C-alpha atoms as a PDB file:
ATOM      1  CA  MET A   1      30.990 -22.743  80.926  1.00  0.00           C
ATOM      2  CA  SER A   2      29.045 -22.392  84.309  1.00  0.00           C
ATOM      3  CA  LEU A   3      28.873 -18.903  86.303  1.00  0.00           C
ATOM      4  CA  LYS A   4      28.971 -18.852  90.210  1.00  0.00           C
ATOM      5  CA  LEU A   5      26.569 -16.598  91.936  1.00  0.00           C
ATOM      6  CA  ASN A   6      28.793 -14.297  93.091  1.00  0.00           C
ATOM      7  CA  GLU A   7      29.541 -13.530  89.484  1.00  0.00           C
ATOM      8  CA  ILE A   8      26.391 -12.515  88.688  1.00  0.00           C
ATOM      9  CA  ASN A   9      23.785  -9.990  90.095  1.00  0.00           C
ATOM     10  CA  SER A  10      21.532  -9.068  87.502  1.00  0.00           C
ATOM     11  CA  LEU A  11      20.086 -10.935  84.126  1.00  0.00           C
ATOM     12  CA  CYS A  12      18.831  -9.773  81.246  1.00  0.00           C
ATOM     13  CA  LEU A  13      16.142 -12.644  79.469  1.00  0.00           C
ATOM     14  CA  LEU A  14      15.432 -11.850  75.633  1.00  0.00           C
ATOM     15  CA  ARG A  15      12.375 -14.114  74.727  1.00  0.00           C
ATOM     16  CA  LEU A  16       9.571 -12.203  72.456  1.00  0.00           C
ATOM     17  CA  SER A  17       7.203 -14.371  71.299  1.00  0.00           C
ATOM     18  CA  ALA A  18       5.226 -16.996  71.240  1.00  0.00           C
ATOM     19  CA  ILE A  19       3.053 -18.020  74.165  1.00  0.00           C
ATOM     20  CA  GLY A  20       3.722 -21.311  74.146  1.00  0.00           C
ATOM     21  CA  ASP A  21       7.553 -20.327  74.299  1.00  0.00           C
ATOM     22  CA  VAL A  22       7.427 -18.122  77.132  1.00  0.00           C
ATOM     23  CA  CYS A  23       5.415 -20.680  78.900  1.00  0.00           C
ATOM     24  CA  HIS A  24       8.153 -23.071  78.570  1.00  0.00           C
ATOM     25  CA  ALA A  25      10.725 -19.991  79.559  1.00  0.00           C
ATOM     26  CA  VAL A  26       8.885 -19.235  83.216  1.00  0.00           C
ATOM     27  CA  ALA A  27       9.573 -23.260  83.859  1.00  0.00           C
ATOM     28  CA  MET A  28      13.243 -21.573  83.251  1.00  0.00           C
ATOM     29  CA  VAL A  29      13.156 -18.673  84.849  1.00  0.00           C
ATOM     30  CA  GLN A  30      11.448 -19.993  87.936  1.00  0.00           C
ATOM     31  CA  ALA A  31      14.580 -22.736  88.243  1.00  0.00           C
ATOM     32  CA  ILE A  32      16.821 -19.873  88.190  1.00  0.00           C
ATOM     33  CA  GLN A  33      15.038 -18.037  90.752  1.00  0.00           C
ATOM     34  CA  ARG A  34      15.194 -21.297  93.038  1.00  0.00           C
ATOM     35  CA  LYS A  35      18.907 -21.063  93.207  1.00  0.00           C
ATOM     36  CA  TYR A  36      19.530 -17.612  92.956  1.00  0.00           C
ATOM     37  CA  PRO A  37      16.645 -16.157  94.814  1.00  0.00           C
ATOM     38  CA  GLU A  38      18.304 -12.520  95.110  1.00  0.00           C
ATOM     39  CA  LEU A  39      19.268 -12.090  91.390  1.00  0.00           C
ATOM     40  CA  LYS A  40      18.104  -9.336  89.658  1.00  0.00           C
ATOM     41  CA  ILE A  41      15.971 -10.418  86.633  1.00  0.00           C
ATOM     42  CA  THR A  42      15.137  -8.278  83.842  1.00  0.00           C
ATOM     43  CA  TRP A  43      12.798  -9.849  80.649  1.00  0.00           C
ATOM     44  CA  VAL A  44      12.462  -8.377  77.379  1.00  0.00           C
ATOM     45  CA  ILE A  45       8.839  -9.730  76.105  1.00  0.00           C
ATOM     46  CA  GLY A  46       6.709  -9.444  73.612  1.00  0.00           C
ATOM     47  CA  LYS A  47       3.201  -6.811  74.162  1.00  0.00           C
ATOM     48  CA  VAL A  48       0.832  -9.779  74.021  1.00  0.00           C
ATOM     49  CA  GLU A  49       2.789 -12.141  75.978  1.00  0.00           C
ATOM     50  CA  TYR A  50       3.295  -9.765  78.634  1.00  0.00           C
ATOM     51  CA  GLN A  51      -0.536  -9.608  79.187  1.00  0.00           C
ATOM     52  CA  LEU A  52       0.256 -13.527  80.244  1.00  0.00           C
ATOM     53  CA  LEU A  53       2.956 -13.207  82.291  1.00  0.00           C
ATOM     54  CA  LYS A  54       2.911  -9.812  84.042  1.00  0.00           C
ATOM     55  CA  HIS A  55       2.141 -10.939  87.273  1.00  0.00           C
ATOM     56  CA  LEU A  56       5.149 -12.811  87.563  1.00  0.00           C
ATOM     57  CA  GLU A  57       7.407 -12.476  90.874  1.00  0.00           C
ATOM     58  CA  GLY A  58      11.022 -11.156  90.668  1.00  0.00           C
ATOM     59  CA  VAL A  59      10.780 -10.364  87.390  1.00  0.00           C
ATOM     60  CA  GLU A  60      10.901  -6.488  85.750  1.00  0.00           C
ATOM     61  CA  PHE A  61       9.750  -6.757  82.170  1.00  0.00           C
ATOM     62  CA  VAL A  62      10.632  -4.442  79.405  1.00  0.00           C
ATOM     63  CA  ILE A  63       7.765  -4.538  76.539  1.00  0.00           C
ATOM     64  CA  PHE A  64       8.674  -5.262  72.862  1.00  0.00           C
ATOM     65  CA  ASP A  65       6.115  -4.342  70.486  1.00  0.00           C
ATOM     66  CA  LYS A  66       6.862  -5.282  67.187  1.00  0.00           C
ATOM     67  CA  SER A  67       3.779  -3.697  65.257  1.00  0.00           C
ATOM     68  CA  GLN A  68       5.961  -0.238  65.774  1.00  0.00           C
ATOM     69  CA  GLY A  69       8.269  -1.513  63.476  1.00  0.00           C
ATOM     70  CA  TRP A  70      11.681  -0.116  63.454  1.00  0.00           C
ATOM     71  CA  ARG A  71      10.300   2.047  66.128  1.00  0.00           C
ATOM     72  CA  SER A  72      10.098  -0.518  68.587  1.00  0.00           C
ATOM     73  CA  TYR A  73      14.133  -1.183  68.481  1.00  0.00           C
ATOM     74  CA  PHE A  74      14.513   2.529  69.280  1.00  0.00           C
ATOM     75  CA  TYR A  75      12.354   2.335  72.468  1.00  0.00           C
ATOM     76  CA  LEU A  76      13.898  -0.497  73.794  1.00  0.00           C
ATOM     77  CA  LYS A  77      16.975   1.078  73.576  1.00  0.00           C
ATOM     78  CA  LYS A  78      15.719   3.866  75.525  1.00  0.00           C
ATOM     79  CA  ALA A  79      13.878   1.688  78.249  1.00  0.00           C
ATOM     80  CA  LEU A  80      17.142  -0.116  79.080  1.00  0.00           C
ATOM     81  CA  ALA A  81      19.390   2.997  78.751  1.00  0.00           C
ATOM     82  CA  GLY A  82      21.977   3.239  80.967  1.00  0.00           C
ATOM     83  CA  GLN A  83      21.639  -0.744  82.256  1.00  0.00           C
ATOM     84  CA  ARG A  84      24.547  -2.850  82.441  1.00  0.00           C
ATOM     85  CA  PHE A  85      23.357  -6.697  82.936  1.00  0.00           C
ATOM     86  CA  ASP A  86      25.440  -9.186  84.241  1.00  0.00           C
ATOM     87  CA  VAL A  87      24.139 -11.872  82.027  1.00  0.00           C
ATOM     88  CA  LEU A  88      22.080 -11.705  78.858  1.00  0.00           C
ATOM     89  CA  LEU A  89      20.083 -15.099  78.192  1.00  0.00           C
ATOM     90  CA  HIS A  90      19.652 -14.982  74.066  1.00  0.00           C
ATOM     91  CA  MET A  91      16.910 -17.471  73.823  1.00  0.00           C
ATOM     92  CA  GLN A  92      15.420 -16.600  70.687  1.00  0.00           C
ATOM     93  CA  VAL A  93      16.414 -17.259  67.411  1.00  0.00           C
ATOM     94  CA  ALA A  94      15.489 -14.773  64.859  1.00  0.00           C
ATOM     95  CA  LEU A  95      16.268 -12.011  63.039  1.00  0.00           C
ATOM     96  CA  ARG A  96      14.218  -9.820  64.789  1.00  0.00           C
ATOM     97  CA  ALA A  97      15.735 -10.908  68.155  1.00  0.00           C
ATOM     98  CA  THR A  98      19.422 -10.352  66.904  1.00  0.00           C
ATOM     99  CA  ILE A  99      18.446  -7.011  66.065  1.00  0.00           C
ATOM    100  CA  ALA A 100      16.847  -6.129  69.831  1.00  0.00           C
ATOM    101  CA  SER A 101      19.804  -7.865  71.621  1.00  0.00           C
ATOM    102  CA  MET A 102      22.549  -4.912  70.508  1.00  0.00           C
ATOM    103  CA  ALA A 103      19.860  -2.776  72.875  1.00  0.00           C
ATOM    104  CA  ILE A 104      20.882  -4.604  75.616  1.00  0.00           C
ATOM    105  CA  SER A 105      24.686  -4.037  77.111  1.00  0.00           C
ATOM    106  CA  ALA A 106      25.521  -7.512  79.020  1.00  0.00           C
ATOM    107  CA  ARG A 107      29.620  -8.332  79.838  1.00  0.00           C
ATOM    108  CA  VAL A 108      28.436 -12.156  79.311  1.00  0.00           C
ATOM    109  CA  ARG A 109      25.741 -13.215  76.222  1.00  0.00           C
ATOM    110  CA  ILE A 110      24.929 -16.027  76.456  1.00  0.00           C
ATOM    111  CA  GLY A 111      23.090 -17.803  73.130  1.00  0.00           C
ATOM    112  CA  PHE A 112      22.711 -21.538  71.573  1.00  0.00           C
ATOM    113  CA  ASP A 113      25.232 -24.068  70.440  1.00  0.00           C
ATOM    114  CA  ARG A 114      26.412 -22.400  67.052  1.00  0.00           C
ATOM    115  CA  PHE A 115      24.272 -25.332  64.832  1.00  0.00           C
ATOM    116  CA  ARG A 116      21.096 -23.889  66.529  1.00  0.00           C
ATOM    117  CA  ALA A 117      22.166 -19.996  66.780  1.00  0.00           C
ATOM    118  CA  LYS A 118      20.801 -19.269  63.423  1.00  0.00           C
ATOM    119  CA  GLU A 119      19.510 -15.753  62.118  1.00  0.00           C
ATOM    120  CA  GLY A 120      22.815 -14.134  62.556  1.00  0.00           C
ATOM    121  CA  GLN A 121      22.626 -15.068  67.027  1.00  0.00           C
ATOM    122  CA  TRP A 122      25.933 -16.021  66.874  1.00  0.00           C
ATOM    123  CA  LEU A 123      27.253 -12.486  66.122  1.00  0.00           C
ATOM    124  CA  VAL A 124      25.647 -11.156  69.474  1.00  0.00           C
ATOM    125  CA  THR A 125      26.517 -13.625  71.680  1.00  0.00           C
ATOM    126  CA  ASN A 126      30.247 -14.487  73.495  1.00  0.00           C
ATOM    127  CA  HIS A 127      28.956 -17.814  75.207  1.00  0.00           C
ATOM    128  CA  LYS A 128      26.848 -21.001  74.312  1.00  0.00           C
ATOM    129  CA  ILE A 129      24.952 -22.899  75.763  1.00  0.00           C
ATOM    130  CA  GLU A 130      26.040 -27.266  75.396  1.00  0.00           C
ATOM    131  CA  PRO A 131      25.013 -28.904  72.036  1.00  0.00           C
ATOM    132  CA  GLN A 132      21.811 -31.067  72.744  1.00  0.00           C
ATOM    133  CA  GLU A 133      20.528 -33.699  69.780  1.00  0.00           C
ATOM    134  CA  THR A 134      16.909 -33.657  70.022  1.00  0.00           C
ATOM    135  CA  PRO A 135      15.640 -31.464  72.894  1.00  0.00           C
ATOM    136  CA  HIS A 136      12.434 -30.401  73.412  1.00  0.00           C
ATOM    137  CA  VAL A 137      12.337 -26.719  73.213  1.00  0.00           C
ATOM    138  CA  LEU A 138      11.819 -26.629  76.928  1.00  0.00           C
ATOM    139  CA  GLU A 139      15.005 -28.588  77.597  1.00  0.00           C
ATOM    140  CA  GLY A 140      16.415 -26.387  75.517  1.00  0.00           C
ATOM    141  CA  PHE A 141      15.875 -23.632  77.556  1.00  0.00           C
ATOM    142  CA  MET A 142      16.662 -25.052  80.734  1.00  0.00           C
ATOM    143  CA  ALA A 143      20.020 -25.460  79.157  1.00  0.00           C
ATOM    144  CA  PHE A 144      20.383 -21.896  79.618  1.00  0.00           C
ATOM    145  CA  ALA A 145      19.540 -22.330  83.646  1.00  0.00           C
ATOM    146  CA  LYS A 146      22.402 -24.748  83.281  1.00  0.00           C
ATOM    147  CA  ALA A 147      25.162 -22.498  81.831  1.00  0.00           C
ATOM    148  CA  LEU A 148      23.997 -20.642  84.796  1.00  0.00           C
ATOM    149  CA  GLY A 149      24.833 -23.150  87.368  1.00  0.00           C
ATOM    150  CA  VAL A 150      21.373 -25.039  88.131  1.00  0.00           C
ATOM    151  CA  THR A 151      20.985 -28.611  88.669  1.00  0.00           C
ATOM    152  CA  ASP A 152      17.194 -28.738  89.769  1.00  0.00           C
ATOM    153  CA  LEU A 153      16.368 -28.978  85.962  1.00  0.00           C
ATOM    154  CA  SER A 154      12.888 -29.849  86.695  1.00  0.00           C
ATOM    155  CA  PRO A 155       9.920 -27.875  85.303  1.00  0.00           C
ATOM    156  CA  LYS A 156       7.891 -25.950  87.529  1.00  0.00           C
ATOM    157  CA  TRP A 157       5.582 -23.431  87.340  1.00  0.00           C
ATOM    158  CA  ASN A 158       3.920 -20.346  89.413  1.00  0.00           C
ATOM    159  CA  ILE A 159       2.229 -17.745  86.921  1.00  0.00           C
ATOM    160  CA  PRO A 160       0.148 -15.803  89.142  1.00  0.00           C
ATOM    161  CA  VAL A 161      -3.251 -15.275  88.136  1.00  0.00           C
ATOM    162  CA  PRO A 162      -5.278 -11.946  89.580  1.00  0.00           C
ATOM    163  CA  LEU A 163      -8.531 -13.464  92.196  1.00  0.00           C
ATOM    164  CA  ALA A 164     -10.923 -11.482  90.122  1.00  0.00           C
ATOM    165  CA  ASP A 165     -10.207 -13.947  86.908  1.00  0.00           C
ATOM    166  CA  THR A 166      -9.567 -17.058  89.338  1.00  0.00           C
ATOM    167  CA  GLU A 167     -13.086 -16.291  90.391  1.00  0.00           C
ATOM    168  CA  PHE A 168     -13.921 -15.741  86.899  1.00  0.00           C
ATOM    169  CA  ALA A 169     -13.477 -19.332  85.982  1.00  0.00           C
ATOM    170  CA  ARG A 170     -14.727 -21.119  89.006  1.00  0.00           C
ATOM    171  CA  GLN A 171     -17.724 -19.410  88.045  1.00  0.00           C
ATOM    172  CA  LEU A 172     -17.564 -20.946  84.612  1.00  0.00           C
ATOM    173  CA  LEU A 173     -16.414 -24.002  86.009  1.00  0.00           C
ATOM    174  CA  PRO A 174     -17.032 -24.688  89.776  1.00  0.00           C
ATOM    175  CA  ASP A 175     -14.920 -27.260  91.258  1.00  0.00           C
ATOM    176  CA  GLY A 176     -15.878 -30.246  90.754  1.00  0.00           C
ATOM    177  CA  ASP A 177     -17.237 -29.969  87.519  1.00  0.00           C
ATOM    178  CA  LYS A 178     -16.088 -32.485  84.619  1.00  0.00           C
ATOM    179  CA  ALA A 179     -15.032 -30.679  81.445  1.00  0.00           C
ATOM    180  CA  LEU A 180     -13.008 -30.905  78.007  1.00  0.00           C
ATOM    181  CA  VAL A 181     -12.149 -27.929  76.804  1.00  0.00           C
ATOM    182  CA  ILE A 182     -11.186 -27.701  73.302  1.00  0.00           C
ATOM    183  CA  CYS A 183      -9.168 -24.950  72.204  1.00  0.00           C
ATOM    184  CA  ALA A 184      -9.362 -25.622  68.594  1.00  0.00           C
ATOM    185  CA  ALA A 185      -7.528 -22.830  66.687  1.00  0.00           C
ATOM    186  CA  ALA A 186      -3.661 -22.610  66.221  1.00  0.00           C
ATOM    187  CA  SER A 187      -1.350 -19.990  64.944  1.00  0.00           C
ATOM    188  CA  LYS A 188      -2.005 -20.793  61.471  1.00  0.00           C
ATOM    189  CA  ALA A 189      -5.003 -22.282  59.610  1.00  0.00           C
ATOM    190  CA  GLU A 190      -3.192 -25.420  58.359  1.00  0.00           C
ATOM    191  CA  ARG A 191      -2.671 -26.661  61.788  1.00  0.00           C
ATOM    192  CA  ASN A 192      -6.441 -26.510  62.518  1.00  0.00           C
ATOM    193  CA  TRP A 193      -8.109 -29.778  62.710  1.00  0.00           C
ATOM    194  CA  LEU A 194     -11.092 -30.261  60.956  1.00  0.00           C
ATOM    195  CA  PRO A 195     -14.379 -28.723  62.869  1.00  0.00           C
ATOM    196  CA  GLU A 196     -16.500 -31.460  62.123  1.00  0.00           C
ATOM    197  CA  ARG A 197     -14.043 -33.951  64.230  1.00  0.00           C
ATOM    198  CA  TYR A 198     -13.680 -31.744  66.825  1.00  0.00           C
ATOM    199  CA  ALA A 199     -17.464 -31.859  66.820  1.00  0.00           C
ATOM    200  CA  ALA A 200     -17.698 -35.745  67.050  1.00  0.00           C
ATOM    201  CA  VAL A 201     -14.904 -36.038  69.694  1.00  0.00           C
ATOM    202  CA  ALA A 202     -17.406 -33.129  72.178  1.00  0.00           C
ATOM    203  CA  GLN A 203     -20.041 -35.578  71.071  1.00  0.00           C
ATOM    204  CA  HIS A 204     -18.114 -38.451  72.876  1.00  0.00           C
ATOM    205  CA  ALA A 205     -17.389 -36.354  75.769  1.00  0.00           C
ATOM    206  CA  ILE A 206     -20.842 -34.966  76.272  1.00  0.00           C
ATOM    207  CA  SER A 207     -22.465 -38.443  76.113  1.00  0.00           C
ATOM    208  CA  LYS A 208     -20.208 -39.634  79.262  1.00  0.00           C
ATOM    209  CA  GLY A 209     -20.671 -36.628  81.387  1.00  0.00           C
ATOM    210  CA  TYR A 210     -18.411 -34.272  80.516  1.00  0.00           C
ATOM    211  CA  ARG A 211     -19.241 -30.233  80.111  1.00  0.00           C
ATOM    212  CA  VAL A 212     -17.143 -28.862  76.632  1.00  0.00           C
ATOM    213  CA  ILE A 213     -15.974 -25.326  76.340  1.00  0.00           C
ATOM    214  CA  LEU A 214     -14.663 -24.191  73.542  1.00  0.00           C
ATOM    215  CA  CYS A 215     -11.889 -21.694  74.156  1.00  0.00           C
ATOM    216  CA  GLY A 216      -9.447 -19.039  72.161  1.00  0.00           C
ATOM    217  CA  GLY A 217      -9.037 -15.811  70.806  1.00  0.00           C
ATOM    218  CA  PRO A 218     -10.817 -12.997  69.756  1.00  0.00           C
ATOM    219  CA  THR A 219      -9.623 -13.394  66.137  1.00  0.00           C
ATOM    220  CA  ALA A 220     -12.064 -13.762  63.431  1.00  0.00           C
ATOM    221  CA  SER A 221     -11.257 -16.690  62.079  1.00  0.00           C
ATOM    222  CA  GLU A 222     -10.886 -18.271  65.617  1.00  0.00           C
ATOM    223  CA  LYS A 223     -14.979 -17.352  66.495  1.00  0.00           C
ATOM    224  CA  VAL A 224     -15.623 -18.872  62.577  1.00  0.00           C
ATOM    225  CA  LEU A 225     -13.931 -22.188  63.721  1.00  0.00           C
ATOM    226  CA  ALA A 226     -16.021 -22.580  66.974  1.00  0.00           C
ATOM    227  CA  GLU A 227     -19.083 -21.354  64.955  1.00  0.00           C
ATOM    228  CA  ASP A 228     -18.092 -24.280  62.171  1.00  0.00           C
ATOM    229  CA  ILE A 229     -17.997 -26.740  65.233  1.00  0.00           C
ATOM    230  CA  GLN A 230     -20.594 -25.529  66.908  1.00  0.00           C
ATOM    231  CA  SER A 231     -22.950 -26.082  63.547  1.00  0.00           C
ATOM    232  CA  THR A 232     -21.264 -29.532  63.210  1.00  0.00           C
ATOM    233  CA  CYS A 233     -22.325 -30.534  66.739  1.00  0.00           C
ATOM    234  CA  THR A 234     -25.648 -32.374  67.784  1.00  0.00           C
ATOM    235  CA  GLN A 235     -24.872 -30.556  71.029  1.00  0.00           C
ATOM    236  CA  THR A 236     -24.665 -27.515  72.675  1.00  0.00           C
ATOM    237  CA  LEU A 237     -21.586 -26.454  73.187  1.00  0.00           C
ATOM    238  CA  GLU A 238     -20.576 -23.410  75.738  1.00  0.00           C
ATOM    239  CA  ASN A 239     -18.592 -20.795  73.434  1.00  0.00           C
ATOM    240  CA  MET A 240     -16.106 -18.939  74.953  1.00  0.00           C
ATOM    241  CA  VAL A 241     -13.715 -18.238  72.183  1.00  0.00           C
ATOM    242  CA  GLY A 242     -12.751 -14.259  72.208  1.00  0.00           C
ATOM    243  CA  LYS A 243     -14.646 -13.939  75.750  1.00  0.00           C
ATOM    244  CA  THR A 244     -11.513 -14.347  77.899  1.00  0.00           C
ATOM    245  CA  SER A 245      -8.147 -12.151  78.807  1.00  0.00           C
ATOM    246  CA  LEU A 246      -5.223 -14.740  78.533  1.00  0.00           C
ATOM    247  CA  THR A 247      -4.799 -14.619  82.292  1.00  0.00           C
ATOM    248  CA  GLN A 248      -8.703 -15.542  82.598  1.00  0.00           C
ATOM    249  CA  LEU A 249      -8.026 -18.643  79.967  1.00  0.00           C
ATOM    250  CA  LEU A 250      -5.361 -19.575  82.126  1.00  0.00           C
ATOM    251  CA  ALA A 251      -7.667 -19.839  84.832  1.00  0.00           C
ATOM    252  CA  VAL A 252     -10.120 -21.674  82.937  1.00  0.00           C
ATOM    253  CA  LEU A 253      -7.450 -24.473  81.764  1.00  0.00           C
ATOM    254  CA  LYS A 254      -6.442 -24.756  85.254  1.00  0.00           C
ATOM    255  CA  GLN A 255     -10.514 -25.932  86.126  1.00  0.00           C
ATOM    256  CA  ALA A 256     -10.735 -28.127  83.364  1.00  0.00           C
ATOM    257  CA  SER A 257     -10.543 -31.724  83.142  1.00  0.00           C
ATOM    258  CA  ILE A 258      -9.017 -32.296  80.301  1.00  0.00           C
ATOM    259  CA  VAL A 259      -7.670 -30.104  77.178  1.00  0.00           C
ATOM    260  CA  LEU A 260      -7.764 -30.697  73.827  1.00  0.00           C
ATOM    261  CA  ALA A 261      -5.767 -28.396  71.401  1.00  0.00           C
ATOM    262  CA  PRO A 262      -3.693 -28.579  68.151  1.00  0.00           C
ATOM    263  CA  ASP A 263       0.460 -27.110  68.130  1.00  0.00           C
ATOM    264  CA  THR A 264      -0.959 -23.771  69.922  1.00  0.00           C
ATOM    265  CA  GLY A 265      -0.030 -21.533  72.853  1.00  0.00           C
ATOM    266  CA  PRO A 266      -3.177 -22.333  75.348  1.00  0.00           C
ATOM    267  CA  ALA A 267      -2.208 -26.291  75.238  1.00  0.00           C
ATOM    268  CA  HIS A 268       1.099 -24.805  76.734  1.00  0.00           C
ATOM    269  CA  MET A 269      -0.719 -23.115  79.277  1.00  0.00           C
ATOM    270  CA  ALA A 270      -2.471 -25.840  80.708  1.00  0.00           C
ATOM    271  CA  VAL A 271       0.679 -27.839  81.373  1.00  0.00           C
ATOM    272  CA  THR A 272       1.854 -24.958  83.805  1.00  0.00           C
ATOM    273  CA  GLN A 273      -1.468 -25.146  85.348  1.00  0.00           C
ATOM    274  CA  GLY A 274      -1.301 -29.249  85.609  1.00  0.00           C
ATOM    275  CA  THR A 275      -3.978 -30.132  82.970  1.00  0.00           C
ATOM    276  CA  PRO A 276      -3.763 -33.266  80.970  1.00  0.00           C
ATOM    277  CA  VAL A 277      -3.382 -32.221  77.443  1.00  0.00           C
ATOM    278  CA  ILE A 278      -4.531 -34.141  74.273  1.00  0.00           C
ATOM    279  CA  GLY A 279      -2.212 -32.830  71.537  1.00  0.00           C
ATOM    280  CA  LEU A 280      -2.741 -32.647  67.959  1.00  0.00           C
ATOM    281  CA  TYR A 281       0.128 -32.823  65.406  1.00  0.00           C
ATOM    282  CA  ALA A 282       0.980 -33.306  61.769  1.00  0.00           C
ATOM    283  CA  HIS A 283       3.161 -30.621  60.707  1.00  0.00           C
ATOM    284  CA  SER A 284       5.638 -30.119  63.939  1.00  0.00           C
ATOM    285  CA  ASN A 285       7.353 -32.900  66.103  1.00  0.00           C
ATOM    286  CA  PRO A 286       5.899 -33.353  69.312  1.00  0.00           C
ATOM    287  CA  GLY A 287       9.274 -34.774  70.738  1.00  0.00           C
ATOM    288  CA  ARG A 288       9.791 -31.063  70.401  1.00  0.00           C
ATOM    289  CA  THR A 289       6.924 -28.893  70.698  1.00  0.00           C
ATOM    290  CA  GLY A 290       4.259 -31.145  72.376  1.00  0.00           C
ATOM    291  CA  PRO A 291       2.715 -30.517  75.498  1.00  0.00           C
ATOM    292  CA  TYR A 292       5.669 -31.552  77.629  1.00  0.00           C
ATOM    293  CA  LEU A 293       3.786 -33.089  80.635  1.00  0.00           C
ATOM    294  CA  SER A 294       1.584 -34.816  78.256  1.00  0.00           C
ATOM    295  CA  GLN A 295       3.524 -36.410  75.773  1.00  0.00           C
ATOM    296  CA  ASP A 296       1.820 -39.746  76.665  1.00  0.00           C
ATOM    297  CA  HIS A 297      -1.479 -38.426  75.302  1.00  0.00           C
ATOM    298  CA  VAL A 298      -0.399 -36.902  72.116  1.00  0.00           C
ATOM    299  CA  VAL A 299      -2.090 -37.712  68.843  1.00  0.00           C
ATOM    300  CA  SER A 300       0.483 -37.404  66.194  1.00  0.00           C
ATOM    301  CA  VAL A 301       0.962 -38.419  62.607  1.00  0.00           C
ATOM    302  CA  TYR A 302       3.693 -36.313  61.992  1.00  0.00           C
ATOM    303  CA  ASP A 303       6.261 -39.366  61.814  1.00  0.00           C
ATOM    304  CA  SER A 304       4.574 -40.917  58.961  1.00  0.00           C
ATOM    305  CA  VAL A 305       4.342 -37.552  57.373  1.00  0.00           C
ATOM    306  CA  ILE A 306       7.877 -36.346  57.558  1.00  0.00           C
ATOM    307  CA  LYS A 307       8.803 -39.624  56.141  1.00  0.00           C
ATOM    308  CA  THR A 308       7.363 -39.482  52.845  1.00  0.00           C
ATOM    309  CA  GLN A 309       8.487 -35.860  52.462  1.00  0.00           C
ATOM    310  CA  HIS A 310      12.228 -36.651  53.072  1.00  0.00           C
ATOM    311  CA  ALA A 311      14.483 -39.318  51.805  1.00  0.00           C
ATOM    312  CA  GLY A 312      17.536 -40.149  54.367  1.00  0.00           C
ATOM    313  CA  PRO A 313      17.788 -38.771  57.871  1.00  0.00           C
ATOM    314  CA  ILE A 314      15.471 -35.838  58.892  1.00  0.00           C
ATOM    315  CA  ALA A 315      16.880 -33.160  61.179  1.00  0.00           C
ATOM    316  CA  TRP A 316      15.520 -32.666  64.328  1.00  0.00           C
ATOM    317  CA  GLY A 317      12.672 -30.131  64.251  1.00  0.00           C
ATOM    318  CA  THR A 318      12.469 -30.150  60.601  1.00  0.00           C
ATOM    319  CA  ARG A 319       8.533 -29.088  60.001  1.00  0.00           C
ATOM    320  CA  ALA A 320       6.171 -31.243  57.423  1.00  0.00           C
ATOM    321  CA  LYS A 321       4.868 -29.078  54.856  1.00  0.00           C
ATOM    322  CA  GLY A 322       0.744 -29.292  53.364  1.00  0.00           C
ATOM    323  CA  ASN A 323      -2.283 -27.739  53.851  1.00  0.00           C
ATOM    324  CA  ASP A 324      -4.119 -31.189  55.026  1.00  0.00           C
ATOM    325  CA  LEU A 325      -1.822 -33.226  56.573  1.00  0.00           C
ATOM    326  CA  MET A 326      -4.392 -32.365  59.963  1.00  0.00           C
ATOM    327  CA  GLU A 327      -6.726 -34.899  58.111  1.00  0.00           C
ATOM    328  CA  LYS A 328      -4.817 -37.593  58.452  1.00  0.00           C
ATOM    329  CA  ILE A 329      -5.401 -37.393  62.287  1.00  0.00           C
ATOM    330  CA  GLU A 330      -8.729 -39.895  62.717  1.00  0.00           C
ATOM    331  CA  VAL A 331     -11.815 -39.306  65.421  1.00  0.00           C
ATOM    332  CA  HIS A 332     -11.225 -42.656  66.508  1.00  0.00           C
ATOM    333  CA  SER A 333      -7.792 -42.161  67.548  1.00  0.00           C
ATOM    334  CA  VAL A 334      -8.633 -39.424  69.521  1.00  0.00           C
ATOM    335  CA  ILE A 335     -11.451 -40.441  71.313  1.00  0.00           C
ATOM    336  CA  LYS A 336      -9.171 -43.696  72.356  1.00  0.00           C
ATOM    337  CA  GLN A 337      -6.906 -41.044  74.204  1.00  0.00           C
ATOM    338  CA  LEU A 338      -9.823 -38.883  75.638  1.00  0.00           C
ATOM    339  CA  ASP A 339     -11.558 -42.574  77.098  1.00  0.00           C
ATOM    340  CA  LYS A 340      -7.790 -43.241  78.350  1.00  0.00           C
ATOM    341  CA  LEU A 341      -7.753 -39.534  80.265  1.00  0.00           C
ATOM    342  CA  LEU A 342     -11.883 -40.140  81.199  1.00  0.00           C
ATOM    343  CA  SER A 343     -11.371 -43.506  83.035  1.00  0.00           C
END
């Protein structure tokens, strides 16, 4: 199914979360914009994710604040009242997204193929993207652009950052400074690497003449992790955890030489800025969720772990389970990737 330009004038995109996923979605949106520069695009997005993308050009945002519970659906319906879109791109497989999509009026409603259209998504769509056997999440998203007739599916990003935030990043990390930025915390604690191992890598980077900056969000757990890394490190690290907005963090990641992170949003933010990422993976398949342009730098134990947990064929995207899986990632493996990038 391919739609022609003269058939679509307005498009609604439904992708609420998370930070990494909306970064992938930006590449798809901008691929569509390159082909259809006059297309009116409305994006239904989560409250936190909006803070990163709110300056995106040519996109009108409607915020879905899940913290408001059932009222969030009422407010969404009210915000979209009277609007009917030519196309809805339903790009989130989650029950709340399925329910939210019912507030969006659209003639063509495109969702994932039947195998991936879980959580009731298949009930609220009338077209499907083509099946894909082993796609990266970004490639899965690009299939929505392909369904609209877009042929240039190479990912490119332009996420505008306010000048003040760019200046903030340049004051912290002037052009030419060599710096390793560590975004240590994932959304779930089990996906965090060990503090003493982050510290060992940090010490190695410092010995090579690099500054090491810890970055992350304002949650208590992220601040504690940063403190734990510093307490086991013999060198003083620059701790910026909880001290940046999302757009400031994006600007800092652009100034960085290298980013070290587990499976977490800032890893994908760094990709959008063209900064090399060393991704640490044990629970999820980096072929599906790894930093898209830095797959060669990933340090992963996923393949070995998942084979011990499942006999026979393993479905693409199957997650490994366990609280100690990240311990299987050794310091020397990470330093090996770091040295490749340093050279």
